[in-house]
Amino acid sequence: LTVSLATEHDVVLARQRARQVAALLDFEAQEQVRLATAVSEIARNAVRYAGGGRVELAVEEQDGTARLVVRVQD
C-alpha cells in the first residue's frame, strides 16, 4: 500500500491506513496507535521539510516470518 504525501490531509490518510493495516494484521490496539502515530510524525516531517514524499506499507517474509515494513520517503 502506498500513500503519496503532499498535504496535511495526506498525512492523516497515511496515519489511517497504517492503523487499518495494523488492525488487519491483528496488532493489539495500543500497537496500532503507536504505529499510526510514528507513521504520521515521520510523514508530517516529509511534507513539512521536504515538500512531500510517500509512505509505503508492505508485508514481507523473512526466514518464514511475516513482518510489516513501513518506508517513508521524502
PDB file of N, CA and C in Angstrom:
ATOM      1  N   LEU A   1       0.853  -1.170   0.000  1.00  0.00           N
ATOM      2  CA  LEU A   1       0.000   0.000   0.000  1.00  0.00           C
ATOM      3  C   LEU A   1       0.893   1.224   0.000  1.00  0.00           C
ATOM      4  N   THR A   2       0.624   2.155  -0.892  1.00  0.00           N
ATOM      5  CA  THR A   2       1.420   3.377  -0.978  1.00  0.00           C
ATOM      6  C   THR A   2       0.498   4.581  -0.876  1.00  0.00           C
ATOM      7  N   VAL A   3       0.910   5.559  -0.071  1.00  0.00           N
ATOM      8  CA  VAL A   3       0.183   6.816   0.068  1.00  0.00           C
ATOM      9  C   VAL A   3       1.136   7.936  -0.313  1.00  0.00           C
ATOM     10  N   SER A   4       0.759   8.723  -1.303  1.00  0.00           N
ATOM     11  CA  SER A   4       1.558   9.892  -1.686  1.00  0.00           C
ATOM     12  C   SER A   4       1.352  10.992  -0.663  1.00  0.00           C
ATOM     13  N   LEU A   5       2.423  11.732  -0.390  1.00  0.00           N
ATOM     14  CA  LEU A   5       2.359  12.811   0.602  1.00  0.00           C
ATOM     15  C   LEU A   5       2.604  14.159  -0.061  1.00  0.00           C
ATOM     16  N   ALA A   6       1.629  15.038   0.038  1.00  0.00           N
ATOM     17  CA  ALA A   6       1.800  16.397  -0.466  1.00  0.00           C
ATOM     18  C   ALA A   6       1.172  17.424   0.477  1.00  0.00           C
ATOM     19  N   THR A   7       0.143  16.999   1.215  1.00  0.00           N
ATOM     20  CA  THR A   7      -0.587  17.915   2.091  1.00  0.00           C
ATOM     21  C   THR A   7      -0.810  17.272   3.459  1.00  0.00           C
ATOM     22  N   GLU A   8      -1.298  18.073   4.382  1.00  0.00           N
ATOM     23  CA  GLU A   8      -1.628  17.561   5.719  1.00  0.00           C
ATOM     24  C   GLU A   8      -2.708  16.483   5.635  1.00  0.00           C
ATOM     25  N   HIS A   9      -3.618  16.622   4.696  1.00  0.00           N
ATOM     26  CA  HIS A   9      -4.650  15.598   4.501  1.00  0.00           C
ATOM     27  C   HIS A   9      -4.021  14.250   4.171  1.00  0.00           C
ATOM     28  N   ASP A  10      -2.973  14.256   3.384  1.00  0.00           N
ATOM     29  CA  ASP A  10      -2.270  13.019   3.034  1.00  0.00           C
ATOM     30  C   ASP A  10      -1.615  12.389   4.264  1.00  0.00           C
ATOM     31  N   VAL A  11      -1.124  13.226   5.163  1.00  0.00           N
ATOM     32  CA  VAL A  11      -0.535  12.736   6.415  1.00  0.00           C
ATOM     33  C   VAL A  11      -1.597  12.009   7.231  1.00  0.00           C
ATOM     34  N   VAL A  12      -2.781  12.596   7.323  1.00  0.00           N
ATOM     35  CA  VAL A  12      -3.888  11.964   8.048  1.00  0.00           C
ATOM     36  C   VAL A  12      -4.264  10.646   7.383  1.00  0.00           C
ATOM     37  N   LEU A  13      -4.315  10.631   6.071  1.00  0.00           N
ATOM     38  CA  LEU A  13      -4.641   9.409   5.339  1.00  0.00           C
ATOM     39  C   LEU A  13      -3.594   8.322   5.596  1.00  0.00           C
ATOM     40  N   ALA A  14      -2.328   8.695   5.601  1.00  0.00           N
ATOM     41  CA  ALA A  14      -1.258   7.721   5.876  1.00  0.00           C
ATOM     42  C   ALA A  14      -1.417   7.145   7.275  1.00  0.00           C
ATOM     43  N   ARG A  15      -1.759   7.996   8.240  1.00  0.00           N
ATOM     44  CA  ARG A  15      -1.975   7.535   9.613  1.00  0.00           C
ATOM     45  C   ARG A  15      -3.130   6.533   9.663  1.00  0.00           C
ATOM     46  N   GLN A  16      -4.226   6.869   9.007  1.00  0.00           N
ATOM     47  CA  GLN A  16      -5.395   5.983   8.995  1.00  0.00           C
ATOM     48  C   GLN A  16      -5.068   4.645   8.341  1.00  0.00           C
ATOM     49  N   ARG A  17      -4.372   4.680   7.232  1.00  0.00           N
ATOM     50  CA  ARG A  17      -4.026   3.441   6.535  1.00  0.00           C
ATOM     51  C   ARG A  17      -3.081   2.577   7.369  1.00  0.00           C
ATOM     52  N   ALA A  18      -2.131   3.204   8.046  1.00  0.00           N
ATOM     53  CA  ALA A  18      -1.211   2.445   8.900  1.00  0.00           C
ATOM     54  C   ALA A  18      -1.983   1.731   9.996  1.00  0.00           C
ATOM     55  N   ARG A  19      -2.928   2.417  10.594  1.00  0.00           N
ATOM     56  CA  ARG A  19      -3.712   1.786  11.656  1.00  0.00           C
ATOM     57  C   ARG A  19      -4.586   0.665  11.094  1.00  0.00           C
ATOM     58  N   GLN A  20      -5.178   0.884   9.935  1.00  0.00           N
ATOM     59  CA  GLN A  20      -6.012  -0.148   9.326  1.00  0.00           C
ATOM     60  C   GLN A  20      -5.202  -1.401   8.999  1.00  0.00           C
ATOM     61  N   VAL A  21      -4.025  -1.220   8.446  1.00  0.00           N
ATOM     62  CA  VAL A  21      -3.175  -2.366   8.118  1.00  0.00           C
ATOM     63  C   VAL A  21      -2.783  -3.101   9.394  1.00  0.00           C
ATOM     64  N   ALA A  22      -2.415  -2.369  10.414  1.00  0.00           N
ATOM     65  CA  ALA A  22      -2.047  -2.995  11.689  1.00  0.00           C
ATOM     66  C   ALA A  22      -3.223  -3.781  12.266  1.00  0.00           C
ATOM     67  N   ALA A  23      -4.420  -3.255  12.146  1.00  0.00           N
ATOM     68  CA  ALA A  23      -5.605  -3.963  12.641  1.00  0.00           C
ATOM     69  C   ALA A  23      -5.832  -5.248  11.842  1.00  0.00           C
ATOM     70  N   LEU A  24      -5.671  -5.164  10.530  1.00  0.00           N
ATOM     71  CA  LEU A  24      -5.835  -6.350   9.694  1.00  0.00           C
ATOM     72  C   LEU A  24      -4.810  -7.430  10.023  1.00  0.00           C
ATOM     73  N   LEU A  25      -3.652  -7.008  10.514  1.00  0.00           N
ATOM     74  CA  LEU A  25      -2.599  -7.946  10.889  1.00  0.00           C
ATOM     75  C   LEU A  25      -2.692  -8.367  12.355  1.00  0.00           C
ATOM     76  N   ASP A  26      -3.804  -8.018  12.998  1.00  0.00           N
ATOM     77  CA  ASP A  26      -4.086  -8.402  14.390  1.00  0.00           C
ATOM     78  C   ASP A  26      -3.114  -7.820  15.405  1.00  0.00           C
ATOM     79  N   PHE A  27      -2.594  -6.619  15.138  1.00  0.00           N
ATOM     80  CA  PHE A  27      -1.811  -5.933  16.155  1.00  0.00           C
ATOM     81  C   PHE A  27      -2.754  -5.557  17.292  1.00  0.00           C
ATOM     82  N   GLU A  28      -2.252  -5.523  18.516  1.00  0.00           N
ATOM     83  CA  GLU A  28      -3.052  -5.066  19.652  1.00  0.00           C
ATOM     84  C   GLU A  28      -3.370  -3.584  19.458  1.00  0.00           C
ATOM     85  N   ALA A  29      -4.447  -3.129  20.080  1.00  0.00           N
ATOM     86  CA  ALA A  29      -4.914  -1.755  19.890  1.00  0.00           C
ATOM     87  C   ALA A  29      -3.826  -0.728  20.199  1.00  0.00           C
ATOM     88  N   GLN A  30      -3.097  -0.929  21.276  1.00  0.00           N
ATOM     89  CA  GLN A  30      -2.049   0.016  21.646  1.00  0.00           C
ATOM     90  C   GLN A  30      -0.933   0.045  20.594  1.00  0.00           C
ATOM     91  N   GLU A  31      -0.603  -1.095  20.028  1.00  0.00           N
ATOM     92  CA  GLU A  31       0.420  -1.151  18.985  1.00  0.00           C
ATOM     93  C   GLU A  31      -0.066  -0.489  17.699  1.00  0.00           C
ATOM     94  N   GLN A  32      -1.357  -0.601  17.420  1.00  0.00           N
ATOM     95  CA  GLN A  32      -1.925   0.085  16.252  1.00  0.00           C
ATOM     96  C   GLN A  32      -1.744   1.593  16.393  1.00  0.00           C
ATOM     97  N   VAL A  33      -2.034   2.101  17.579  1.00  0.00           N
ATOM     98  CA  VAL A  33      -1.906   3.537  17.828  1.00  0.00           C
ATOM     99  C   VAL A  33      -0.447   3.966  17.740  1.00  0.00           C
ATOM    100  N   ARG A  34       0.445   3.191  18.317  1.00  0.00           N
ATOM    101  CA  ARG A  34       1.874   3.530  18.259  1.00  0.00           C
ATOM    102  C   ARG A  34       2.378   3.586  16.815  1.00  0.00           C
ATOM    103  N   LEU A  35       2.005   2.597  16.030  1.00  0.00           N
ATOM    104  CA  LEU A  35       2.427   2.570  14.637  1.00  0.00           C
ATOM    105  C   LEU A  35       1.855   3.759  13.883  1.00  0.00           C
ATOM    106  N   ALA A  36       0.571   4.003  14.045  1.00  0.00           N
ATOM    107  CA  ALA A  36      -0.082   5.115  13.352  1.00  0.00           C
ATOM    108  C   ALA A  36       0.551   6.452  13.733  1.00  0.00           C
ATOM    109  N   THR A  37       0.874   6.612  15.002  1.00  0.00           N
ATOM    110  CA  THR A  37       1.500   7.849  15.467  1.00  0.00           C
ATOM    111  C   THR A  37       2.883   8.029  14.858  1.00  0.00           C
ATOM    112  N   ALA A  38       3.668   6.982  14.855  1.00  0.00           N
ATOM    113  CA  ALA A  38       5.010   7.062  14.276  1.00  0.00           C
ATOM    114  C   ALA A  38       4.947   7.392  12.789  1.00  0.00           C
ATOM    115  N   VAL A  39       4.051   6.724  12.075  1.00  0.00           N
ATOM    116  CA  VAL A  39       3.907   6.984  10.644  1.00  0.00           C
ATOM    117  C   VAL A  39       3.503   8.431  10.396  1.00  0.00           C
ATOM    118  N   SER A  40       2.550   8.932  11.162  1.00  0.00           N
ATOM    119  CA  SER A  40       2.083  10.301  10.924  1.00  0.00           C
ATOM    120  C   SER A  40       3.162  11.330  11.249  1.00  0.00           C
ATOM    121  N   GLU A  41       3.950  11.109  12.280  1.00  0.00           N
ATOM    122  CA  GLU A  41       5.007  12.055  12.624  1.00  0.00           C
ATOM    123  C   GLU A  41       6.081  12.110  11.539  1.00  0.00           C
ATOM    124  N   ILE A  42       6.488  10.962  11.050  1.00  0.00           N
ATOM    125  CA  ILE A  42       7.518  10.940  10.010  1.00  0.00           C
ATOM    126  C   ILE A  42       6.961  11.487   8.692  1.00  0.00           C
ATOM    127  N   ALA A  43       5.717  11.127   8.381  1.00  0.00           N
ATOM    128  CA  ALA A  43       5.078  11.645   7.169  1.00  0.00           C
ATOM    129  C   ALA A  43       4.927  13.157   7.238  1.00  0.00           C
ATOM    130  N   ARG A  44       4.570  13.665   8.399  1.00  0.00           N
ATOM    131  CA  ARG A  44       4.420  15.116   8.574  1.00  0.00           C
ATOM    132  C   ARG A  44       5.766  15.816   8.328  1.00  0.00           C
ATOM    133  N   ASN A  45       6.840  15.229   8.818  1.00  0.00           N
ATOM    134  CA  ASN A  45       8.168  15.805   8.571  1.00  0.00           C
ATOM    135  C   ASN A  45       8.489  15.816   7.082  1.00  0.00           C
ATOM    136  N   ALA A  46       8.136  14.753   6.372  1.00  0.00           N
ATOM    137  CA  ALA A  46       8.390  14.700   4.929  1.00  0.00           C
ATOM    138  C   ALA A  46       7.650  15.827   4.207  1.00  0.00           C
ATOM    139  N   VAL A  47       6.408  16.066   4.601  1.00  0.00           N
ATOM    140  CA  VAL A  47       5.622  17.132   3.965  1.00  0.00           C
ATOM    141  C   VAL A  47       6.164  18.500   4.361  1.00  0.00           C
ATOM    142  N   ARG A  48       6.415  18.682   5.642  1.00  0.00           N
ATOM    143  CA  ARG A  48       6.814  19.994   6.157  1.00  0.00           C
ATOM    144  C   ARG A  48       8.205  20.405   5.667  1.00  0.00           C
ATOM    145  N   TYR A  49       9.167  19.502   5.732  1.00  0.00           N
ATOM    146  CA  TYR A  49      10.546  19.889   5.467  1.00  0.00           C
ATOM    147  C   TYR A  49      11.043  19.535   4.069  1.00  0.00           C
ATOM    148  N   ALA A  50      10.405  18.573   3.422  1.00  0.00           N
ATOM    149  CA  ALA A  50      10.842  18.191   2.069  1.00  0.00           C
ATOM    150  C   ALA A  50       9.803  18.513   1.007  1.00  0.00           C
ATOM    151  N   GLY A  51       8.632  18.959   1.440  1.00  0.00           N
ATOM    152  CA  GLY A  51       7.601  19.324   0.475  1.00  0.00           C
ATOM    153  C   GLY A  51       6.773  18.165  -0.041  1.00  0.00           C
ATOM    154  N   GLY A  52       7.012  16.958   0.483  1.00  0.00           N
ATOM    155  CA  GLY A  52       6.212  15.802   0.069  1.00  0.00           C
ATOM    156  C   GLY A  52       7.019  14.522   0.102  1.00  0.00           C
ATOM    157  N   GLY A  53       6.383  13.465  -0.350  1.00  0.00           N
ATOM    158  CA  GLY A  53       7.026  12.157  -0.371  1.00  0.00           C
ATOM    159  C   GLY A  53       5.987  11.066  -0.497  1.00  0.00           C
ATOM    160  N   ARG A  54       6.286   9.926   0.132  1.00  0.00           N
ATOM    161  CA  ARG A  54       5.325   8.825   0.108  1.00  0.00           C
ATOM    162  C   ARG A  54       5.578   7.892   1.279  1.00  0.00           C
ATOM    163  N   VAL A  55       4.510   7.201   1.665  1.00  0.00           N
ATOM    164  CA  VAL A  55       4.569   6.175   2.698  1.00  0.00           C
ATOM    165  C   VAL A  55       4.219   4.855   2.029  1.00  0.00           C
ATOM    166  N   GLU A  56       5.028   3.862   2.288  1.00  0.00           N
ATOM    167  CA  GLU A  56       4.783   2.525   1.743  1.00  0.00           C
ATOM    168  C   GLU A  56       4.662   1.545   2.907  1.00  0.00           C
ATOM    169  N   LEU A  57       3.559   0.812   2.928  1.00  0.00           N
ATOM    170  CA  LEU A  57       3.328  -0.228   3.926  1.00  0.00           C
ATOM    171  C   LEU A  57       3.339  -1.564   3.190  1.00  0.00           C
ATOM    172  N   ALA A  58       4.166  -2.485   3.665  1.00  0.00           N
ATOM    173  CA  ALA A  58       4.280  -3.776   2.983  1.00  0.00           C
ATOM    174  C   ALA A  58       4.451  -4.891   4.005  1.00  0.00           C
ATOM    175  N   VAL A  59       3.901  -6.042   3.682  1.00  0.00           N
ATOM    176  CA  VAL A  59       4.136  -7.237   4.480  1.00  0.00           C
ATOM    177  C   VAL A  59       5.176  -8.044   3.724  1.00  0.00           C
ATOM    178  N   GLU A  60       6.293  -8.288   4.378  1.00  0.00           N
ATOM    179  CA  GLU A  60       7.386  -9.034   3.766  1.00  0.00           C
ATOM    180  C   GLU A  60       7.679 -10.265   4.604  1.00  0.00           C
ATOM    181  N   GLU A  61       8.159 -11.285   3.932  1.00  0.00           N
ATOM    182  CA  GLU A  61       8.514 -12.517   4.632  1.00  0.00           C
ATOM    183  C   GLU A  61      10.026 -12.648   4.687  1.00  0.00           C
ATOM    184  N   GLN A  62      10.498 -12.990   5.867  1.00  0.00           N
ATOM    185  CA  GLN A  62      11.929 -13.211   6.039  1.00  0.00           C
ATOM    186  C   GLN A  62      12.119 -14.421   6.941  1.00  0.00           C
ATOM    187  N   ASP A  63      12.801 -15.411   6.455  1.00  0.00           N
ATOM    188  CA  ASP A  63      13.046 -16.647   7.217  1.00  0.00           C
ATOM    189  C   ASP A  63      11.749 -17.278   7.713  1.00  0.00           C
ATOM    190  N   GLY A  64      10.713 -17.238   6.880  1.00  0.00           N
ATOM    191  CA  GLY A  64       9.445 -17.853   7.235  1.00  0.00           C
ATOM    192  C   GLY A  64       8.575 -17.036   8.170  1.00  0.00           C
ATOM    193  N   THR A  65       9.001 -15.818   8.482  1.00  0.00           N
ATOM    194  CA  THR A  65       8.243 -14.956   9.382  1.00  0.00           C
ATOM    195  C   THR A  65       7.777 -13.720   8.626  1.00  0.00           C
ATOM    196  N   ALA A  66       6.494 -13.435   8.716  1.00  0.00           N
ATOM    197  CA  ALA A  66       5.944 -12.232   8.080  1.00  0.00           C
ATOM    198  C   ALA A  66       6.179 -11.037   8.995  1.00  0.00           C
ATOM    199  N   ARG A  67       6.496  -9.892   8.377  1.00  0.00           N
ATOM    200  CA  ARG A  67       6.683  -8.682   9.160  1.00  0.00           C
ATOM    201  C   ARG A  67       6.146  -7.495   8.376  1.00  0.00           C
ATOM    202  N   LEU A  68       5.703  -6.503   9.104  1.00  0.00           N
ATOM    203  CA  LEU A  68       5.217  -5.272   8.500  1.00  0.00           C
ATOM    204  C   LEU A  68       6.401  -4.329   8.339  1.00  0.00           C
ATOM    205  N   VAL A  69       6.573  -3.832   7.121  1.00  0.00           N
ATOM    206  CA  VAL A  69       7.642  -2.893   6.835  1.00  0.00           C
ATOM    207  C   VAL A  69       7.010  -1.577   6.418  1.00  0.00           C
ATOM    208  N   VAL A  70       7.451  -0.498   7.039  1.00  0.00           N
ATOM    209  CA  VAL A  70       6.965   0.846   6.704  1.00  0.00           C
ATOM    210  C   VAL A  70       8.152   1.646   6.206  1.00  0.00           C
ATOM    211  N   ARG A  71       8.021   2.193   4.995  1.00  0.00           N
ATOM    212  CA  ARG A  71       9.054   3.052   4.428  1.00  0.00           C
ATOM    213  C   ARG A  71       8.448   4.424   4.166  1.00  0.00           C
ATOM    214  N   VAL A  72       9.119   5.450   4.624  1.00  0.00           N
ATOM    215  CA  VAL A  72       8.694   6.817   4.340  1.00  0.00           C
ATOM    216  C   VAL A  72       9.829   7.481   3.570  1.00  0.00           C
ATOM    217  N   GLN A  73       9.495   7.979   2.395  1.00  0.00           N
ATOM    218  CA  GLN A  73      10.483   8.662   1.562  1.00  0.00           C
ATOM    219  C   GLN A  73      10.051  10.097   1.334  1.00  0.00           C
ATOM    220  N   ASP A  74      11.025  10.976   1.326  1.00  0.00           N
ATOM    221  CA  ASP A  74      10.705  12.375   1.010  1.00  0.00           C
ATOM    222  C   ASP A  74      11.289  12.736  -0.331  1.00  0.00           C
TER     223      ASP A  74
END
